[in-house]
Protein backbone atom coordinates (compact mmCIF):
# COMPACT_ATOMS: atom_id res chain seq x y z
CA MET A 1 -58.62 33.29 -41.28
CA ILE A 2 -62.33 31.52 -39.14
CA SER A 3 -65.37 32.11 -40.44
CA TYR A 4 -68.54 31.57 -39.47
CA GLU A 5 -70.41 31.74 -42.43
CA ASP A 6 -71.55 27.82 -42.23
CA MET A 7 -73.05 28.21 -39.32
CA THR A 8 -76.15 29.13 -40.57
CA TYR A 9 -80.22 28.32 -38.22
CA ASP A 10 -80.24 24.76 -40.43
CA THR A 11 -76.82 23.88 -39.87
CA ILE A 12 -76.79 24.27 -36.18
CA MET A 13 -80.77 23.14 -35.88
CA GLU A 14 -79.68 19.59 -38.13
CA ARG A 15 -76.69 19.01 -35.62
CA MET A 16 -78.65 19.62 -32.63
CA LEU A 17 -81.51 17.08 -33.73
CA ASN A 18 -79.36 14.75 -34.85
CA SER A 19 -77.35 14.93 -31.72
CA ILE A 20 -80.55 14.51 -29.83
CA ALA A 21 -81.36 11.48 -32.33
CA GLU A 22 -78.34 9.56 -31.39
CA ARG A 23 -78.79 10.25 -28.00
CA TYR A 24 -82.04 9.42 -27.04
CA PRO A 25 -83.34 7.65 -30.30
CA GLU A 26 -87.08 6.88 -28.82
CA VAL A 27 -87.20 11.08 -29.09
CA ASP A 28 -89.68 12.36 -32.05
CA THR A 29 -87.07 14.82 -32.97
CA ARG A 30 -89.97 15.72 -36.81
CA PRO A 31 -90.90 19.78 -37.73
CA SER A 32 -93.44 20.53 -34.77
CA SER A 33 -92.87 17.66 -32.57
CA LEU A 34 -91.52 18.85 -28.76
CA ALA A 35 -87.87 18.43 -29.22
CA TYR A 36 -88.02 20.20 -32.73
CA ASN A 37 -89.61 23.22 -31.24
CA ALA A 38 -87.74 22.91 -28.15
CA LEU A 39 -84.55 23.07 -30.07
CA ALA A 40 -85.97 25.58 -32.34
CA ALA A 41 -85.89 29.08 -30.47
CA SER A 42 -82.24 27.90 -28.99
CA ALA A 43 -81.06 27.46 -32.90
CA ALA A 44 -81.92 30.93 -34.15
CA GLU A 45 -80.22 32.21 -30.84
CA ILE A 46 -77.15 30.72 -31.35
CA ALA A 47 -76.86 31.35 -35.47
CA THR A 48 -77.20 34.83 -34.07
CA LEU A 49 -74.70 34.62 -31.92
CA TYR A 50 -72.50 33.11 -34.81
CA SER A 51 -73.07 36.03 -37.41
CA GLU A 52 -72.15 38.25 -34.24
CA GLN A 53 -68.83 36.88 -33.93
CA ASP A 54 -67.84 36.53 -37.40
CA VAL A 55 -68.02 40.45 -37.16
CA CYS A 56 -66.42 40.79 -34.79
CA LEU A 57 -63.59 38.80 -35.89
CA ARG A 58 -63.53 40.23 -38.95
CA GLU A 59 -63.42 43.75 -36.98
CA THR A 60 -60.00 42.75 -35.23
CA PHE A 61 -58.30 42.77 -38.42
CA ALA A 62 -57.11 45.45 -40.39
CA GLN A 63 -57.32 43.85 -43.49
CA THR A 64 -61.44 43.27 -43.39
CA ALA A 65 -62.34 45.91 -40.77
CA SER A 66 -64.94 48.00 -41.66
CA ARG A 67 -64.21 52.13 -42.57
CA GLU A 68 -65.13 52.11 -38.89
CA GLY A 69 -63.57 49.36 -37.11
CA LEU A 70 -60.74 51.06 -39.23
CA VAL A 71 -60.97 54.69 -36.89
CA GLU A 72 -61.83 52.56 -34.17
CA LYS A 73 -58.69 50.66 -34.82
CA LEU A 74 -56.73 54.09 -34.96
CA HIS A 75 -58.22 55.74 -31.66
CA GLU A 76 -56.46 52.35 -29.51
CA VAL A 77 -53.14 53.39 -30.47
CA GLY A 78 -53.40 57.24 -30.17
CA LEU A 79 -53.85 58.39 -33.84
CA VAL A 80 -56.66 60.61 -35.28
CA GLU A 81 -58.03 60.52 -38.73
CA LEU A 82 -57.93 63.34 -40.91
CA GLU A 83 -60.74 64.89 -42.73
CA ALA A 84 -59.98 64.16 -46.20
CA THR A 85 -59.69 67.57 -48.24
CA TYR A 86 -59.79 68.92 -51.90
CA GLY A 87 -56.72 67.42 -54.52
């Protein structure tokens, strides 16, 4: 299964800075530079999106879904969960 756990802020920021450095070698990409500061907020948002995408992907499959996700899967096909009873 695809996993986005390795798509952290640091990884994304490094990829973005490397891309800038390759295309525009004259641009300063050190921390607190204009390019670094411009990319920092975007990298944080992208990392959040990858995290949310990972949750959505896990909730898609019954084997990895949370209890709430499994209940939603039941409702998709017209089934209803039963309340727990004493044994």
